[in-house]
Amino acid sequence: MLNRIFATIAISSLLTTAALLPSSSLNQAIAQVPQESSETKKSPESASPVISSEKRELIKELLEITQSSKNANQIMDAMVRAELPKLVSTILKAVPALDSDRPEIQKQFSNIVSRMAIKYRDRVIKKIDLNQLVEQVSYPIYDKYFTETELRDIIGFYKSSTGKKAISVLPQITVDSMSRTNDILLPKLSSIMTEIITEELLNALPKAK
């Protein structure tokens, strides 16, 4: 089934049109620092805190500078693409006859997956308002972790030449980092897994008398 694996990988490219991770990843990483601003501390019963109009404008400006709507599309593409293995598994369970090494069957299988993947992606984009999603997710998070002063500082950075460069190159930095990490880490992980498999198999075998 090696040919099918390659065909499926090729099909997955239909589900994404940009880098795997968005340039907003830097903002998300910063936001993970557990420092809740004093002006946004809410009582436990306050599930939907009200954001001041001035702060909303700052958050809106930050989201626009960091191209969050564009990045939301990239995130959605990546999420849809992540569903591909489930789609393939579902098809194989529903139509066992497609689980074959015959070229004509593989071609049929690839065509089915391709059509379904494209339909799924198109309908997700059509039925989900990404701009609304960005607003529902980002505004409360930025309100929670940053004061108005901090938001102005961040906006000032992203308006600088260095900040603009950070926004433009971060997606490629992320891709390069993932690739480099895989080069270094995967052989070690494979070796560890081989050790564990060997140990388990040896333990499972009858002991020589």
Protein backbone atom coordinates (compact mmCIF):
# COMPACT_ATOMS: atom_id res chain seq x y z
CA MET A 1 0.00 0.00 0.00
CA LEU A 2 3.02 2.31 -0.25
CA ASN A 3 1.71 3.86 -3.45
CA ARG A 4 -1.57 4.67 -1.74
CA ILE A 5 0.29 6.41 1.07
CA PHE A 6 2.12 8.62 -1.41
CA ALA A 7 -1.13 9.36 -3.25
CA THR A 8 -2.85 10.31 -0.03
CA ILE A 9 -0.01 12.63 0.96
CA ALA A 10 -0.28 14.32 -2.42
CA ILE A 11 -4.02 14.77 -1.98
CA SER A 12 -3.49 16.44 1.36
CA SER A 13 -1.78 19.34 -0.41
CA LEU A 14 -5.17 20.26 -1.84
CA LEU A 15 -6.36 21.15 1.63
CA THR A 16 -3.89 23.90 2.40
CA THR A 17 -2.76 27.01 0.58
CA ALA A 18 -0.32 28.53 3.03
CA ALA A 19 2.21 27.78 5.77
CA LEU A 20 1.27 25.28 8.43
CA LEU A 21 1.43 27.71 11.31
CA PRO A 22 0.27 31.32 11.30
CA SER A 23 2.32 34.42 12.03
CA SER A 24 0.03 35.04 14.99
CA SER A 25 1.85 32.18 16.75
CA LEU A 26 4.18 34.75 18.28
CA ASN A 27 1.23 36.55 19.85
CA GLN A 28 -0.19 33.27 21.10
CA ALA A 29 3.14 32.33 22.66
CA ILE A 30 3.30 35.67 24.44
CA ALA A 31 -0.30 35.29 25.59
CA GLN A 32 0.51 31.97 27.24
CA VAL A 33 2.48 33.77 29.94
CA PRO A 34 0.24 33.57 33.01
CA GLN A 35 0.02 37.29 33.81
CA GLU A 36 -3.55 38.46 34.07
CA SER A 37 -3.75 42.25 33.97
CA SER A 38 -5.19 44.06 36.97
CA GLU A 39 -7.74 45.92 34.87
CA THR A 40 -9.24 42.70 33.52
CA LYS A 41 -9.55 40.61 36.68
CA LYS A 42 -13.10 39.38 36.77
CA SER A 43 -15.20 37.64 39.38
CA PRO A 44 -15.63 33.87 38.86
CA GLU A 45 -19.28 34.31 37.93
CA SER A 46 -18.43 36.73 35.13
CA ALA A 47 -18.26 34.40 32.13
CA SER A 48 -18.36 37.13 29.46
CA PRO A 49 -16.48 40.22 30.66
CA VAL A 50 -17.28 43.50 28.93
CA ILE A 51 -14.34 44.95 27.02
CA SER A 52 -14.09 48.73 26.91
CA SER A 53 -14.46 50.34 23.50
CA GLU A 54 -10.93 51.78 23.66
CA LYS A 55 -9.44 48.40 24.45
CA ARG A 56 -11.48 46.74 21.71
CA GLU A 57 -10.02 49.22 19.22
CA LEU A 58 -6.50 48.37 20.38
CA ILE A 59 -7.15 44.64 20.06
CA LYS A 60 -8.70 45.18 16.63
CA GLU A 61 -5.63 47.14 15.50
CA LEU A 62 -3.31 44.43 16.80
CA LEU A 63 -5.26 41.70 15.01
CA GLU A 64 -5.16 43.69 11.77
CA ILE A 65 -1.41 44.33 12.03
CA THR A 66 -0.70 40.65 12.64
CA GLN A 67 -3.05 39.60 9.80
CA SER A 68 -5.12 37.40 12.08
CA SER A 69 -7.99 36.94 9.60
CA LYS A 70 -5.57 35.68 6.96
CA ASN A 71 -3.96 33.42 9.54
CA ALA A 72 -7.36 32.10 10.58
CA ASN A 73 -7.79 30.78 7.06
CA GLN A 74 -4.42 29.07 7.30
CA ILE A 75 -5.36 27.54 10.63
CA MET A 76 -8.66 26.31 9.21
CA ASP A 77 -6.87 24.76 6.24
CA ALA A 78 -4.48 22.98 8.59
CA MET A 79 -7.34 21.72 10.75
CA VAL A 80 -9.24 20.46 7.73
CA ARG A 81 -6.14 18.76 6.42
CA ALA A 82 -5.71 17.07 9.79
CA GLU A 83 -9.05 15.38 9.19
CA LEU A 84 -7.70 13.61 6.09
CA PRO A 85 -6.46 10.46 7.89
CA LYS A 86 -9.90 10.05 9.48
CA LEU A 87 -11.49 10.49 6.07
CA VAL A 88 -9.25 7.82 4.55
CA SER A 89 -9.95 5.43 7.44
CA THR A 90 -13.70 5.99 7.14
CA ILE A 91 -13.67 5.27 3.42
CA LEU A 92 -11.66 2.07 3.84
CA LYS A 93 -14.03 0.83 6.56
CA ALA A 94 -17.08 1.65 4.46
CA VAL A 95 -15.65 0.22 1.22
CA PRO A 96 -13.18 -2.58 2.04
CA ALA A 97 -12.80 -3.30 -1.66
CA LEU A 98 -10.76 -0.11 -2.00
CA ASP A 99 -8.08 -1.57 0.25
CA SER A 100 -6.16 -3.03 -2.65
CA ASP A 101 -2.79 -2.66 -4.36
CA ARG A 102 -4.32 -2.86 -7.82
CA PRO A 103 -3.52 0.37 -9.75
CA GLU A 104 -7.07 0.92 -10.92
CA ILE A 105 -8.41 0.55 -7.37
CA GLN A 106 -5.77 2.92 -6.02
CA LYS A 107 -6.73 5.48 -8.66
CA GLN A 108 -10.39 5.17 -7.75
CA PHE A 109 -9.54 5.53 -4.07
CA SER A 110 -7.42 8.64 -4.69
CA ASN A 111 -10.19 10.23 -6.74
CA ILE A 112 -12.77 9.59 -4.02
CA VAL A 113 -10.56 11.03 -1.27
CA SER A 114 -9.69 14.03 -3.42
CA ARG A 115 -13.34 14.86 -4.17
CA MET A 116 -14.45 14.42 -0.57
CA ALA A 117 -11.54 16.43 0.82
CA ILE A 118 -12.18 19.36 -1.50
CA LYS A 119 -15.92 19.32 -0.75
CA TYR A 120 -15.23 19.22 2.97
CA ARG A 121 -12.80 22.14 2.81
CA ASP A 122 -15.12 24.26 0.67
CA ARG A 123 -18.14 23.66 2.91
CA VAL A 124 -16.20 24.40 6.09
CA ILE A 125 -15.09 27.73 4.65
CA LYS A 126 -18.62 28.49 3.44
CA LYS A 127 -20.40 27.59 6.69
CA ILE A 128 -17.94 29.05 9.23
CA ASP A 129 -17.46 32.81 9.57
CA LEU A 130 -13.73 33.04 10.27
CA ASN A 131 -13.80 36.76 11.02
CA GLN A 132 -16.44 36.15 13.66
CA LEU A 133 -14.43 33.23 15.00
CA VAL A 134 -11.33 35.41 15.32
CA GLU A 135 -13.33 38.00 17.24
CA GLN A 136 -14.94 35.45 19.56
CA VAL A 137 -11.59 33.82 20.36
CA SER A 138 -9.05 36.64 20.28
CA TYR A 139 -10.80 39.56 21.96
CA PRO A 140 -11.42 37.84 25.33
CA ILE A 141 -7.91 36.34 25.34
CA TYR A 142 -6.11 39.61 24.66
CA ASP A 143 -8.39 41.36 27.14
CA LYS A 144 -7.51 38.77 29.76
CA TYR A 145 -3.73 38.85 29.41
CA PHE A 146 -2.88 42.42 28.38
CA THR A 147 -3.61 45.91 29.67
CA GLU A 148 -4.27 48.78 27.29
CA THR A 149 -0.73 50.05 27.89
CA GLU A 150 0.74 46.65 27.05
CA LEU A 151 -1.37 46.42 23.90
CA ARG A 152 -0.05 49.81 22.78
CA ASP A 153 3.50 48.60 23.38
CA ILE A 154 2.92 45.47 21.33
CA ILE A 155 1.31 47.45 18.51
CA GLY A 156 4.26 49.83 18.56
CA PHE A 157 6.64 46.92 18.18
CA TYR A 158 4.75 45.42 15.25
CA LYS A 159 4.71 48.81 13.53
CA SER A 160 8.49 48.99 13.73
CA SER A 161 10.69 47.60 10.96
CA THR A 162 11.73 44.72 13.20
CA GLY A 163 8.14 43.95 14.11
CA LYS A 164 7.08 43.96 10.47
CA LYS A 165 9.92 41.59 9.67
CA ALA A 166 8.89 39.32 12.56
CA ILE A 167 5.37 39.08 11.14
CA SER A 168 6.62 38.32 7.63
CA VAL A 169 9.30 35.74 8.47
CA LEU A 170 7.76 33.92 11.45
CA PRO A 171 5.82 31.41 9.32
CA GLN A 172 9.02 30.36 7.55
CA ILE A 173 10.92 30.32 10.83
CA THR A 174 8.26 27.97 12.20
CA VAL A 175 8.48 25.68 9.16
CA ASP A 176 12.29 25.64 9.30
CA SER A 177 12.23 24.98 13.04
CA MET A 178 9.81 22.07 12.62
CA SER A 179 11.93 20.60 9.84
CA ARG A 180 15.14 20.94 11.83
CA THR A 181 13.49 19.53 14.94
CA ASN A 182 12.27 16.51 12.97
CA ASP A 183 15.75 15.93 11.55
CA ILE A 184 17.24 15.86 15.03
CA LEU A 185 14.43 14.33 17.06
CA LEU A 186 12.82 11.67 14.86
CA PRO A 187 15.89 9.37 14.67
CA LYS A 188 16.17 9.46 18.46
CA LEU A 189 12.46 8.77 18.91
CA SER A 190 12.69 5.92 16.42
CA SER A 191 15.62 4.45 18.31
CA ILE A 192 13.76 4.64 21.61
CA MET A 193 10.71 2.97 20.09
CA THR A 194 12.91 0.23 18.61
CA GLU A 195 14.40 -0.43 22.06
CA ILE A 196 10.96 -0.71 23.63
CA ILE A 197 9.65 -3.00 20.90
CA THR A 198 12.72 -5.22 21.23
CA GLU A 199 12.33 -5.41 25.00
CA GLU A 200 8.64 -6.26 24.77
CA LEU A 201 9.18 -8.91 22.11
CA LEU A 202 11.98 -10.50 24.11
CA ASN A 203 9.79 -10.61 27.20
CA ALA A 204 6.97 -12.13 25.20
CA LEU A 205 9.10 -14.99 23.86
CA PRO A 206 9.33 -18.24 25.86
CA LYS A 207 12.47 -18.41 28.01
CA ALA A 208 15.04 -20.98 26.88
CA LYS A 209 15.46 -23.81 29.39
